[in-house]
C-alpha atoms as a PDB file:
ATOM      1  CA  MET A   1      20.124 -17.602 -22.901  1.00  0.00           C
ATOM      2  CA  MET A   2      16.225 -17.222 -22.757  1.00  0.00           C
ATOM      3  CA  ILE A   3      16.020 -18.061 -19.266  1.00  0.00           C
ATOM      4  CA  SER A   4      18.981 -15.321 -18.372  1.00  0.00           C
ATOM      5  CA  LYS A   5      16.688 -13.021 -20.520  1.00  0.00           C
ATOM      6  CA  GLN A   6      13.538 -13.706 -18.604  1.00  0.00           C
ATOM      7  CA  LEU A   7      15.718 -13.231 -15.176  1.00  0.00           C
ATOM      8  CA  LEU A   8      17.217 -10.259 -16.201  1.00  0.00           C
ATOM      9  CA  LEU A   9      13.406  -8.651 -17.564  1.00  0.00           C
ATOM     10  CA  THR A  10      12.415  -9.773 -14.152  1.00  0.00           C
ATOM     11  CA  TYR A  11      15.259  -8.070 -12.312  1.00  0.00           C
ATOM     12  CA  LEU A  12      14.440  -5.360 -14.322  1.00  0.00           C
ATOM     13  CA  TYR A  13      10.498  -4.918 -13.150  1.00  0.00           C
ATOM     14  CA  LEU A  14      11.787  -5.160  -9.796  1.00  0.00           C
ATOM     15  CA  LEU A  15      14.132  -2.583  -9.814  1.00  0.00           C
ATOM     16  CA  VAL A  16      11.497  -0.150 -11.645  1.00  0.00           C
ATOM     17  CA  TYR A  17       8.912  -1.275  -8.885  1.00  0.00           C
ATOM     18  CA  ILE A  18      11.179  -0.041  -5.989  1.00  0.00           C
ATOM     19  CA  VAL A  19      12.234   3.021  -7.426  1.00  0.00           C
ATOM     20  CA  LEU A  20       8.679   4.126  -8.207  1.00  0.00           C
ATOM     21  CA  SER A  21       7.543   3.008  -4.924  1.00  0.00           C
ATOM     22  CA  SER A  22      10.164   4.945  -3.223  1.00  0.00           C
ATOM     23  CA  GLY A  23       9.803   8.138  -5.605  1.00  0.00           C
ATOM     24  CA  VAL A  24       6.038   8.492  -5.085  1.00  0.00           C
ATOM     25  CA  ILE A  25       6.842   8.280  -1.259  1.00  0.00           C
ATOM     26  CA  LEU A  26       9.740  11.155  -1.518  1.00  0.00           C
ATOM     27  CA  TYR A  27       7.252  12.673  -4.290  1.00  0.00           C
ATOM     28  CA  ASN A  28       3.994  13.161  -2.153  1.00  0.00           C
ATOM     29  CA  LYS A  29       6.531  14.245   1.057  1.00  0.00           C
ATOM     30  CA  TRP A  30       7.654  16.900  -0.874  1.00  0.00           C
ATOM     31  CA  VAL A  31       4.665  18.270  -2.091  1.00  0.00           C
ATOM     32  CA  LEU A  32       2.770  18.121   1.084  1.00  0.00           C
ATOM     33  CA  SER A  33       5.722  19.456   3.518  1.00  0.00           C
ATOM     34  CA  PRO A  34       5.257  23.057   4.389  1.00  0.00           C
ATOM     35  CA  LYS A  35       9.372  23.259   4.288  1.00  0.00           C
ATOM     36  CA  TYR A  36       9.259  22.344   0.628  1.00  0.00           C
ATOM     37  CA  PHE A  37       6.556  22.654  -1.980  1.00  0.00           C
ATOM     38  CA  ASN A  38       4.137  23.702   0.919  1.00  0.00           C
ATOM     39  CA  PHE A  39       0.784  22.191  -0.101  1.00  0.00           C
ATOM     40  CA  PRO A  40      -0.248  20.857   2.860  1.00  0.00           C
ATOM     41  CA  LEU A  41      -3.644  19.472   1.581  1.00  0.00           C
ATOM     42  CA  PRO A  42      -3.508  15.511   1.534  1.00  0.00           C
ATOM     43  CA  ILE A  43      -7.066  14.862   0.598  1.00  0.00           C
ATOM     44  CA  THR A  44      -6.698  17.126  -2.417  1.00  0.00           C
ATOM     45  CA  LEU A  45      -3.699  15.521  -3.085  1.00  0.00           C
ATOM     46  CA  THR A  46      -5.602  12.106  -2.762  1.00  0.00           C
ATOM     47  CA  MET A  47      -8.389  13.200  -4.837  1.00  0.00           C
ATOM     48  CA  ILE A  48      -5.843  14.366  -7.986  1.00  0.00           C
ATOM     49  CA  HIS A  49      -4.446  11.163  -7.580  1.00  0.00           C
ATOM     50  CA  MET A  50      -7.944   9.026  -7.957  1.00  0.00           C
ATOM     51  CA  GLY A  51      -9.746  11.637 -10.500  1.00  0.00           C
ATOM     52  CA  PHE A  52      -6.510  11.067 -12.819  1.00  0.00           C
ATOM     53  CA  SER A  53      -5.868   7.488 -12.306  1.00  0.00           C
ATOM     54  CA  GLY A  54     -10.070   6.930 -12.894  1.00  0.00           C
ATOM     55  CA  LEU A  55      -9.638   9.296 -16.189  1.00  0.00           C
ATOM     56  CA  VAL A  56      -6.996   6.869 -17.344  1.00  0.00           C
ATOM     57  CA  ALA A  57      -8.459   3.731 -16.159  1.00  0.00           C
ATOM     58  CA  PHE A  58     -11.714   4.605 -18.162  1.00  0.00           C
ATOM     59  CA  PHE A  59      -9.565   5.428 -21.522  1.00  0.00           C
ATOM     60  CA  LEU A  60      -7.716   2.140 -21.160  1.00  0.00           C
ATOM     61  CA  VAL A  61     -10.824  -0.125 -20.577  1.00  0.00           C
ATOM     62  CA  ARG A  62     -13.725   1.948 -22.762  1.00  0.00           C
ATOM     63  CA  VAL A  63     -11.880   3.711 -25.190  1.00  0.00           C
ATOM     64  CA  PHE A  64      -8.507   1.988 -26.061  1.00  0.00           C
ATOM     65  CA  LYS A  65      -9.948  -1.391 -24.828  1.00  0.00           C
ATOM     66  CA  VAL A  66      -6.507  -2.565 -23.476  1.00  0.00           C
ATOM     67  CA  VAL A  67      -8.545  -4.891 -20.845  1.00  0.00           C
ATOM     68  CA  SER A  68     -12.309  -6.071 -20.928  1.00  0.00           C
ATOM     69  CA  PRO A  69     -14.178  -4.797 -18.006  1.00  0.00           C
ATOM     70  CA  VAL A  70     -15.562  -7.326 -15.440  1.00  0.00           C
ATOM     71  CA  LYS A  71     -19.197  -8.534 -15.292  1.00  0.00           C
ATOM     72  CA  MET A  72     -20.335  -5.952 -12.676  1.00  0.00           C
ATOM     73  CA  THR A  73     -23.461  -6.074 -11.277  1.00  0.00           C
ATOM     74  CA  PHE A  74     -25.236  -3.492  -8.683  1.00  0.00           C
ATOM     75  CA  GLU A  75     -25.453  -5.808  -6.167  1.00  0.00           C
ATOM     76  CA  ILE A  76     -21.409  -6.631  -6.417  1.00  0.00           C
ATOM     77  CA  TYR A  77     -20.808  -2.812  -6.614  1.00  0.00           C
ATOM     78  CA  ALA A  78     -22.792  -2.119  -3.743  1.00  0.00           C
ATOM     79  CA  THR A  79     -21.738  -5.025  -1.400  1.00  0.00           C
ATOM     80  CA  CYS A  80     -18.332  -5.227  -2.598  1.00  0.00           C
ATOM     81  CA  VAL A  81     -16.550  -2.266  -4.717  1.00  0.00           C
ATOM     82  CA  ILE A  82     -18.237   0.575  -2.324  1.00  0.00           C
ATOM     83  CA  PRO A  83     -16.748  -0.926   1.028  1.00  0.00           C
ATOM     84  CA  ILE A  84     -13.549  -1.374  -0.323  1.00  0.00           C
ATOM     85  CA  SER A  85     -13.199   1.795  -1.964  1.00  0.00           C
ATOM     86  CA  ALA A  86     -14.076   3.616   1.248  1.00  0.00           C
ATOM     87  CA  PHE A  87     -11.575   2.039   3.145  1.00  0.00           C
ATOM     88  CA  PHE A  88      -8.751   2.597   0.501  1.00  0.00           C
ATOM     89  CA  ALA A  89      -9.835   6.305   0.485  1.00  0.00           C
ATOM     90  CA  SER A  90      -9.195   6.229   3.986  1.00  0.00           C
ATOM     91  CA  SER A  91      -5.780   4.378   3.676  1.00  0.00           C
ATOM     92  CA  LEU A  92      -4.538   7.164   1.387  1.00  0.00           C
ATOM     93  CA  TRP A  93      -5.919   9.598   3.414  1.00  0.00           C
ATOM     94  CA  PHE A  94      -4.488   8.900   6.651  1.00  0.00           C
ATOM     95  CA  GLY A  95      -1.215   7.682   5.472  1.00  0.00           C
ATOM     96  CA  ASN A  96      -0.696  10.976   3.128  1.00  0.00           C
ATOM     97  CA  THR A  97      -1.541  13.706   6.266  1.00  0.00           C
ATOM     98  CA  ALA A  98       0.977  11.658   8.246  1.00  0.00           C
ATOM     99  CA  TYR A  99       3.684  13.324   6.109  1.00  0.00           C
ATOM    100  CA  LEU A 100       2.630  16.745   7.458  1.00  0.00           C
ATOM    101  CA  PHE A 101       3.758  15.559  11.212  1.00  0.00           C
ATOM    102  CA  ILE A 102       6.247  12.512  10.869  1.00  0.00           C
ATOM    103  CA  SER A 103       9.230  11.874   8.921  1.00  0.00           C
ATOM    104  CA  VAL A 104       9.367   9.202   5.902  1.00  0.00           C
ATOM    105  CA  ALA A 105      12.343   7.104   7.742  1.00  0.00           C
ATOM    106  CA  PHE A 106       9.767   6.714  10.784  1.00  0.00           C
ATOM    107  CA  ILE A 107       6.803   6.185   8.755  1.00  0.00           C
ATOM    108  CA  GLN A 108       8.467   3.375   6.985  1.00  0.00           C
ATOM    109  CA  MET A 109       9.789   2.127  10.337  1.00  0.00           C
ATOM    110  CA  LEU A 110       5.781   2.014  11.427  1.00  0.00           C
ATOM    111  CA  LYS A 111       5.027   0.502   8.217  1.00  0.00           C
ATOM    112  CA  ALA A 112       6.596  -2.780   9.533  1.00  0.00           C
ATOM    113  CA  LEU A 113       3.111  -2.895  11.484  1.00  0.00           C
ATOM    114  CA  MET A 114       1.031  -3.810   8.389  1.00  0.00           C
ATOM    115  CA  PRO A 115       1.159  -7.542   9.087  1.00  0.00           C
ATOM    116  CA  VAL A 116      -0.107  -7.376  12.249  1.00  0.00           C
ATOM    117  CA  ALA A 117      -2.860  -4.941  11.260  1.00  0.00           C
ATOM    118  CA  THR A 118      -3.193  -7.552   8.495  1.00  0.00           C
ATOM    119  CA  PHE A 119      -3.250 -10.715  10.944  1.00  0.00           C
ATOM    120  CA  LEU A 120      -5.730  -9.243  13.331  1.00  0.00           C
ATOM    121  CA  MET A 121      -7.998  -7.879  10.407  1.00  0.00           C
ATOM    122  CA  ALA A 122      -7.846 -11.449   9.047  1.00  0.00           C
ATOM    123  CA  VAL A 123      -8.767 -12.946  12.163  1.00  0.00           C
ATOM    124  CA  ILE A 124     -11.391 -10.675  13.105  1.00  0.00           C
ATOM    125  CA  CYS A 125     -12.728 -11.294   9.429  1.00  0.00           C
ATOM    126  CA  GLY A 126     -12.502 -15.094   9.730  1.00  0.00           C
ATOM    127  CA  THR A 127     -10.481 -15.578   7.206  1.00  0.00           C
ATOM    128  CA  ASP A 128      -7.366 -16.679   9.237  1.00  0.00           C
ATOM    129  CA  LYS A 129      -6.832 -18.437  12.415  1.00  0.00           C
ATOM    130  CA  LEU A 130      -5.214 -17.232  15.428  1.00  0.00           C
ATOM    131  CA  ARG A 131      -1.773 -19.615  15.873  1.00  0.00           C
ATOM    132  CA  CYS A 132       1.033 -19.108  18.353  1.00  0.00           C
ATOM    133  CA  ASP A 133       3.787 -18.768  15.749  1.00  0.00           C
ATOM    134  CA  LEU A 134       1.773 -15.977  13.992  1.00  0.00           C
ATOM    135  CA  PHE A 135       0.833 -14.128  17.289  1.00  0.00           C
ATOM    136  CA  LEU A 136       4.495 -14.470  18.358  1.00  0.00           C
ATOM    137  CA  ASN A 137       5.976 -12.829  15.193  1.00  0.00           C
ATOM    138  CA  MET A 138       3.059  -9.967  15.537  1.00  0.00           C
ATOM    139  CA  VAL A 139       4.090  -9.194  19.282  1.00  0.00           C
ATOM    140  CA  LEU A 140       7.843  -9.389  17.963  1.00  0.00           C
ATOM    141  CA  VAL A 141       6.933  -6.793  15.332  1.00  0.00           C
ATOM    142  CA  SER A 142       4.889  -4.813  17.904  1.00  0.00           C
ATOM    143  CA  VAL A 143       7.864  -4.577  20.299  1.00  0.00           C
ATOM    144  CA  GLY A 144      10.211  -3.489  17.580  1.00  0.00           C
ATOM    145  CA  VAL A 145       8.129  -0.771  16.435  1.00  0.00           C
ATOM    146  CA  VAL A 146       7.327   0.540  20.056  1.00  0.00           C
ATOM    147  CA  VAL A 147      11.303   0.643  20.761  1.00  0.00           C
ATOM    148  CA  SER A 148      11.706   2.246  17.100  1.00  0.00           C
ATOM    149  CA  SER A 149       9.418   5.024  18.168  1.00  0.00           C
ATOM    150  CA  TYR A 150      10.861   5.551  21.547  1.00  0.00           C
ATOM    151  CA  GLY A 151      13.899   6.208  19.930  1.00  0.00           C
ATOM    152  CA  GLU A 152      12.556   8.472  17.342  1.00  0.00           C
ATOM    153  CA  ILE A 153      13.751  12.222  17.927  1.00  0.00           C
ATOM    154  CA  HIS A 154      10.614  14.137  16.260  1.00  0.00           C
ATOM    155  CA  PHE A 155       8.134  11.867  17.634  1.00  0.00           C
ATOM    156  CA  ASN A 156       4.771  13.151  17.155  1.00  0.00           C
ATOM    157  CA  ILE A 157       1.738  11.507  18.143  1.00  0.00           C
ATOM    158  CA  VAL A 158      -0.877  12.910  15.966  1.00  0.00           C
ATOM    159  CA  GLY A 159       1.210  11.823  12.806  1.00  0.00           C
ATOM    160  CA  THR A 160       1.585   8.392  14.334  1.00  0.00           C
ATOM    161  CA  VAL A 161      -2.031   7.982  15.329  1.00  0.00           C
ATOM    162  CA  TYR A 162      -2.805   8.765  11.650  1.00  0.00           C
ATOM    163  CA  GLN A 163      -0.202   6.309   9.955  1.00  0.00           C
ATOM    164  CA  VAL A 164      -1.361   3.782  12.274  1.00  0.00           C
ATOM    165  CA  THR A 165      -4.870   4.336  11.217  1.00  0.00           C
ATOM    166  CA  GLY A 166      -4.189   4.279   7.615  1.00  0.00           C
ATOM    167  CA  ILE A 167      -2.212   0.881   8.265  1.00  0.00           C
ATOM    168  CA  PHE A 168      -5.093  -0.886   9.644  1.00  0.00           C
ATOM    169  CA  ALA A 169      -7.360   0.743   7.073  1.00  0.00           C
ATOM    170  CA  GLU A 170      -5.378  -0.867   4.590  1.00  0.00           C
ATOM    171  CA  ALA A 171      -5.312  -4.126   6.122  1.00  0.00           C
ATOM    172  CA  LEU A 172      -9.145  -4.299   6.238  1.00  0.00           C
ATOM    173  CA  ARG A 173      -9.237  -3.196   2.539  1.00  0.00           C
ATOM    174  CA  LEU A 174      -7.059  -6.232   1.748  1.00  0.00           C
ATOM    175  CA  VAL A 175      -8.869  -8.773   3.896  1.00  0.00           C
ATOM    176  CA  LEU A 176     -12.257  -7.162   2.118  1.00  0.00           C
ATOM    177  CA  THR A 177     -10.962  -7.476  -1.189  1.00  0.00           C
ATOM    178  CA  GLN A 178     -10.054 -11.220  -0.359  1.00  0.00           C
ATOM    179  CA  VAL A 179     -13.449 -11.686   1.372  1.00  0.00           C
ATOM    180  CA  LEU A 180     -15.768 -10.250  -0.500  1.00  0.00           C
ATOM    181  CA  LEU A 181     -14.220 -10.226  -4.545  1.00  0.00           C
ATOM    182  CA  GLN A 182     -12.746 -13.447  -4.349  1.00  0.00           C
ATOM    183  CA  LYS A 183     -15.956 -15.054  -2.466  1.00  0.00           C
ATOM    184  CA  LYS A 184     -18.145 -13.519  -5.955  1.00  0.00           C
ATOM    185  CA  GLY A 185     -15.226 -15.077  -8.382  1.00  0.00           C
ATOM    186  CA  LEU A 186     -13.836 -11.326  -9.563  1.00  0.00           C
ATOM    187  CA  THR A 187     -10.319 -11.025 -10.258  1.00  0.00           C
ATOM    188  CA  LEU A 188      -9.185  -7.770 -10.615  1.00  0.00           C
ATOM    189  CA  ASN A 189      -6.023  -6.238 -12.269  1.00  0.00           C
ATOM    190  CA  PRO A 190      -4.825  -2.958 -11.712  1.00  0.00           C
ATOM    191  CA  ILE A 191      -6.456  -1.492 -14.515  1.00  0.00           C
ATOM    192  CA  THR A 192      -9.735  -2.775 -13.629  1.00  0.00           C
ATOM    193  CA  SER A 193      -9.343  -2.104  -9.785  1.00  0.00           C
ATOM    194  CA  LEU A 194      -8.759   1.541 -10.807  1.00  0.00           C
ATOM    195  CA  TYR A 195     -11.567   1.320 -13.432  1.00  0.00           C
ATOM    196  CA  TYR A 196     -14.238   0.599 -10.167  1.00  0.00           C
ATOM    197  CA  ILE A 197     -12.316   2.028  -7.420  1.00  0.00           C
ATOM    198  CA  ALA A 198     -10.823   5.152  -8.051  1.00  0.00           C
ATOM    199  CA  PRO A 199     -13.922   6.889  -8.916  1.00  0.00           C
ATOM    200  CA  CYS A 200     -15.937   5.579  -5.895  1.00  0.00           C
ATOM    201  CA  SER A 201     -12.584   6.571  -3.676  1.00  0.00           C
ATOM    202  CA  PHE A 202     -12.938  10.283  -5.281  1.00  0.00           C
ATOM    203  CA  VAL A 203     -16.420  10.463  -4.122  1.00  0.00           C
ATOM    204  CA  PHE A 204     -15.770   9.028  -0.499  1.00  0.00           C
ATOM    205  CA  LEU A 205     -12.621  11.606  -0.048  1.00  0.00           C
ATOM    206  CA  PHE A 206     -15.442  14.247  -1.484  1.00  0.00           C
ATOM    207  CA  VAL A 207     -17.169  14.674   1.847  1.00  0.00           C
ATOM    208  CA  PRO A 208     -13.947  15.367   4.302  1.00  0.00           C
ATOM    209  CA  TRP A 209     -12.225  17.641   1.652  1.00  0.00           C
ATOM    210  CA  TYR A 210     -15.498  19.794   1.438  1.00  0.00           C
ATOM    211  CA  LEU A 211     -15.592  20.006   5.559  1.00  0.00           C
ATOM    212  CA  LEU A 212     -11.645  20.145   6.579  1.00  0.00           C
ATOM    213  CA  GLU A 213     -10.035  21.183   3.415  1.00  0.00           C
ATOM    214  CA  LYS A 214     -12.057  23.697   1.275  1.00  0.00           C
ATOM    215  CA  PRO A 215     -12.777  26.278   3.284  1.00  0.00           C
ATOM    216  CA  GLY A 216      -8.768  26.654   4.000  1.00  0.00           C
ATOM    217  CA  MET A 217      -8.303  26.746   0.538  1.00  0.00           C
ATOM    218  CA  GLU A 218     -10.335  29.740   0.039  1.00  0.00           C
ATOM    219  CA  VAL A 219      -8.818  31.916   2.556  1.00  0.00           C
ATOM    220  CA  SER A 220      -5.423  30.827   2.262  1.00  0.00           C
ATOM    221  CA  GLN A 221      -2.776  31.359  -0.925  1.00  0.00           C
ATOM    222  CA  ILE A 222      -2.336  27.738  -2.008  1.00  0.00           C
ATOM    223  CA  GLN A 223       0.321  27.692  -4.941  1.00  0.00           C
ATOM    224  CA  PHE A 224      -0.982  25.287  -8.022  1.00  0.00           C
ATOM    225  CA  ASN A 225       1.421  23.830 -10.140  1.00  0.00           C
ATOM    226  CA  PHE A 226      -0.286  22.041 -13.058  1.00  0.00           C
ATOM    227  CA  TRP A 227       3.115  19.897 -13.935  1.00  0.00           C
ATOM    228  CA  ILE A 228       3.869  19.156 -10.612  1.00  0.00           C
ATOM    229  CA  PHE A 229       0.611  17.352  -9.741  1.00  0.00           C
ATOM    230  CA  PHE A 230       0.365  15.961 -13.203  1.00  0.00           C
ATOM    231  CA  SER A 231       4.010  14.416 -12.864  1.00  0.00           C
ATOM    232  CA  ASN A 232       3.002  13.319  -8.925  1.00  0.00           C
ATOM    233  CA  ALA A 233      -0.331  11.650 -10.282  1.00  0.00           C
ATOM    234  CA  LEU A 234       1.494  10.053 -13.495  1.00  0.00           C
ATOM    235  CA  CYS A 235       3.953   8.758 -10.997  1.00  0.00           C
ATOM    236  CA  ALA A 236       1.094   7.112  -8.696  1.00  0.00           C
ATOM    237  CA  LEU A 237      -0.354   5.758 -11.782  1.00  0.00           C
ATOM    238  CA  ALA A 238       2.860   4.143 -12.864  1.00  0.00           C
ATOM    239  CA  LEU A 239       3.468   2.181  -9.416  1.00  0.00           C
ATOM    240  CA  ASN A 240       0.104   0.719  -9.915  1.00  0.00           C
ATOM    241  CA  PHE A 241       1.156  -0.738 -13.366  1.00  0.00           C
ATOM    242  CA  SER A 242       4.543  -1.232 -12.111  1.00  0.00           C
ATOM    243  CA  ILE A 243       2.901  -3.927  -9.685  1.00  0.00           C
ATOM    244  CA  PHE A 244       1.028  -5.379 -12.127  1.00  0.00           C
ATOM    245  CA  LEU A 245       4.037  -6.457 -14.033  1.00  0.00           C
ATOM    246  CA  VAL A 246       5.856  -7.273 -10.762  1.00  0.00           C
ATOM    247  CA  ILE A 247       2.761  -9.739  -9.528  1.00  0.00           C
ATOM    248  CA  GLY A 248       2.965 -11.369 -13.225  1.00  0.00           C
ATOM    249  CA  ARG A 249       6.232 -11.919 -13.152  1.00  0.00           C
ATOM    250  CA  THR A 250       7.773 -12.921 -10.045  1.00  0.00           C
ATOM    251  CA  SER A 251       6.829 -15.361  -7.179  1.00  0.00           C
ATOM    252  CA  ALA A 252       4.995 -14.152  -3.756  1.00  0.00           C
ATOM    253  CA  VAL A 253       8.582 -14.696  -1.849  1.00  0.00           C
ATOM    254  CA  THR A 254       9.868 -12.146  -4.362  1.00  0.00           C
ATOM    255  CA  ILE A 255       7.649  -9.714  -4.070  1.00  0.00           C
ATOM    256  CA  ARG A 256       8.166  -9.412  -0.195  1.00  0.00           C
ATOM    257  CA  VAL A 257      11.694  -9.620  -0.593  1.00  0.00           C
ATOM    258  CA  ALA A 258      11.829  -6.477  -2.486  1.00  0.00           C
ATOM    259  CA  GLY A 259       9.275  -4.924  -0.600  1.00  0.00           C
ATOM    260  CA  VAL A 260      11.715  -5.136   2.441  1.00  0.00           C
ATOM    261  CA  LEU A 261      14.613  -4.122   0.457  1.00  0.00           C
ATOM    262  CA  LYS A 262      12.747  -1.190  -0.305  1.00  0.00           C
ATOM    263  CA  ASP A 263      11.958   0.186   3.124  1.00  0.00           C
ATOM    264  CA  TRP A 264      15.776  -0.304   3.991  1.00  0.00           C
ATOM    265  CA  MET A 265      16.633   1.933   0.926  1.00  0.00           C
ATOM    266  CA  LEU A 266      13.724   4.154   1.338  1.00  0.00           C
ATOM    267  CA  ILE A 267      15.002   5.034   5.034  1.00  0.00           C
ATOM    268  CA  ALA A 268      18.447   5.696   3.834  1.00  0.00           C
ATOM    269  CA  LEU A 269      17.160   7.833   1.370  1.00  0.00           C
ATOM    270  CA  SER A 270      14.706   9.851   3.045  1.00  0.00           C
ATOM    271  CA  THR A 271      17.487  11.349   5.594  1.00  0.00           C
ATOM    272  CA  ILE A 272      19.569  12.283   2.114  1.00  0.00           C
ATOM    273  CA  VAL A 273      16.559  14.008   0.469  1.00  0.00           C
ATOM    274  CA  PHE A 274      15.207  15.320   3.736  1.00  0.00           C
ATOM    275  CA  PRO A 275      18.105  16.450   6.185  1.00  0.00           C
ATOM    276  CA  GLU A 276      15.778  17.345   8.858  1.00  0.00           C
ATOM    277  CA  SER A 277      14.906  13.685   9.023  1.00  0.00           C
ATOM    278  CA  THR A 278      17.305  11.884  11.507  1.00  0.00           C
ATOM    279  CA  ILE A 279      17.715   8.024  12.289  1.00  0.00           C
ATOM    280  CA  THR A 280      18.862   7.518  15.912  1.00  0.00           C
ATOM    281  CA  GLN A 281      20.325   4.270  16.986  1.00  0.00           C
ATOM    282  CA  LEU A 282      17.650   3.120  18.916  1.00  0.00           C
ATOM    283  CA  ASN A 283      15.340   3.614  15.397  1.00  0.00           C
ATOM    284  CA  ILE A 284      17.561   1.242  13.837  1.00  0.00           C
ATOM    285  CA  ILE A 285      17.661  -1.510  16.545  1.00  0.00           C
ATOM    286  CA  GLY A 286      13.832  -1.162  16.893  1.00  0.00           C
ATOM    287  CA  TYR A 287      13.109  -1.181  12.841  1.00  0.00           C
ATOM    288  CA  ALA A 288      15.740  -4.411  12.860  1.00  0.00           C
ATOM    289  CA  ILE A 289      13.722  -6.190  15.407  1.00  0.00           C
ATOM    290  CA  ALA A 290      10.566  -5.658  14.012  1.00  0.00           C
ATOM    291  CA  LEU A 291      11.943  -6.599  10.488  1.00  0.00           C
ATOM    292  CA  CYS A 292      12.810 -10.064  11.892  1.00  0.00           C
ATOM    293  CA  GLY A 293       9.364 -10.546  12.758  1.00  0.00           C
ATOM    294  CA  VAL A 294       8.078  -9.315   9.364  1.00  0.00           C
ATOM    295  CA  VAL A 295      10.310 -11.790   7.566  1.00  0.00           C
ATOM    296  CA  MET A 296       9.393 -14.310   9.865  1.00  0.00           C
ATOM    297  CA  TYR A 297       5.915 -13.874   8.932  1.00  0.00           C
ATOM    298  CA  ASN A 298       6.724 -13.673   5.459  1.00  0.00           C
ATOM    299  CA  TYR A 299       8.097 -17.337   5.722  1.00  0.00           C
ATOM    300  CA  LEU A 300       5.232 -18.854   7.371  1.00  0.00           C
ATOM    301  CA  LYS A 301       2.784 -17.510   4.821  1.00  0.00           C
ATOM    302  CA  VAL A 302       4.364 -18.346   2.119  1.00  0.00           C
ATOM    303  CA  LYS A 303       5.366 -21.836   3.749  1.00  0.00           C
ATOM    304  CA  ASP A 304       1.027 -21.898   4.257  1.00  0.00           C
ATOM    305  CA  VAL A 305       0.169 -21.327   0.694  1.00  0.00           C
ATOM    306  CA  ARG A 306       2.774 -24.071  -0.843  1.00  0.00           C
ATOM    307  CA  LEU A 307       1.020 -26.393   1.791  1.00  0.00           C
ATOM    308  CA  THR A 308      -2.417 -25.464   0.788  1.00  0.00           C
ATOM    309  CA  GLN A 309      -1.444 -26.431  -2.896  1.00  0.00           C
ATOM    310  CA  THR A 310       0.284 -29.546  -2.310  1.00  0.00           C
ATOM    311  CA  PRO A 311      -3.129 -31.223  -1.247  1.00  0.00           C
ATOM    312  CA  VAL A 312      -5.036 -29.690  -4.073  1.00  0.00           C
ATOM    313  CA  GLU A 313      -2.482 -30.927  -6.942  1.00  0.00           C
ATOM    314  CA  SER A 314      -2.636 -34.655  -5.257  1.00  0.00           C
ATOM    315  CA  ILE A 315      -6.851 -34.737  -5.464  1.00  0.00           C
ATOM    316  CA  PRO A 316      -6.474 -36.487  -8.767  1.00  0.00           C
ATOM    317  CA  GLU A 317      -4.339 -38.968  -7.265  1.00  0.00           C
ATOM    318  CA  ARG A 318      -6.309 -39.863  -4.329  1.00  0.00           C
ATOM    319  CA  SER A 319      -9.275 -39.685  -6.580  1.00  0.00           C
ATOM    320  CA  ALA A 320      -7.861 -42.377  -8.710  1.00  0.00           C
ATOM    321  CA  LYS A 321      -7.011 -44.816  -5.761  1.00  0.00           C
ATOM    322  CA  VAL A 322     -10.736 -44.736  -4.255  1.00  0.00           C
END
């Protein structure tokens, strides 16, 4: 009976993660789109998220002491936190800007390139090796995305470039997190991550905001609704916490499967929420091809993790034999 309750709780956390992740994406699109709330300032919206998340994280760490801060030196902050924050801020900035030009459905299809970007960045940074099986999967994903893009009715090159750039920035952030933080022996949960990274990302975003969006805010009449932005930032913060709960209670395979399920649901849901978003048959065929590559990539990576864990467990046995 206890096992069934734990399993039910795990599925509940996964459902919360899928709902929040989908909700934040749709909410951001609604806020930024000129056809709806009409707040076409993606850097400003991202700064609101970072400022709010950093403030909440500060209270949780320093005031309420929910979690303890890690031992952070100036060297670690300068060589690890700052570069990671820069790419984190860039990925959010470019990703949110893409909402102004392309549909949510097409954005999710482009996000199938994430394993490709991560693999390429890992090979460049030396954390992964160029393997034939993974490379063929990356080619399959890329072909699928190209086919899906060709079938996009409202294709926009500016929005596509923003989204793809954001994907590569996020991939580089993930690789840098592995290379820089793990080598230093640091483990950051979502609360401590936001505590250190959110304020730094806010500072990085200030420069492009001052140059690109601040002049426009002074001459145009931008509506500002406190409750809209507060609830939007709260949803983004809740998503970070849900990721922490999901990671703590499920395996890597389950998270990857949930991510694929979320993408399909979001593509279908976005066409209902935003009627102007149309999906063509070529879109679906291309995304299905890319998804096959993504599923195979996830399978191979999980298999690699299991293979690397097996020798570690057998080390004491080999030592005893020697």
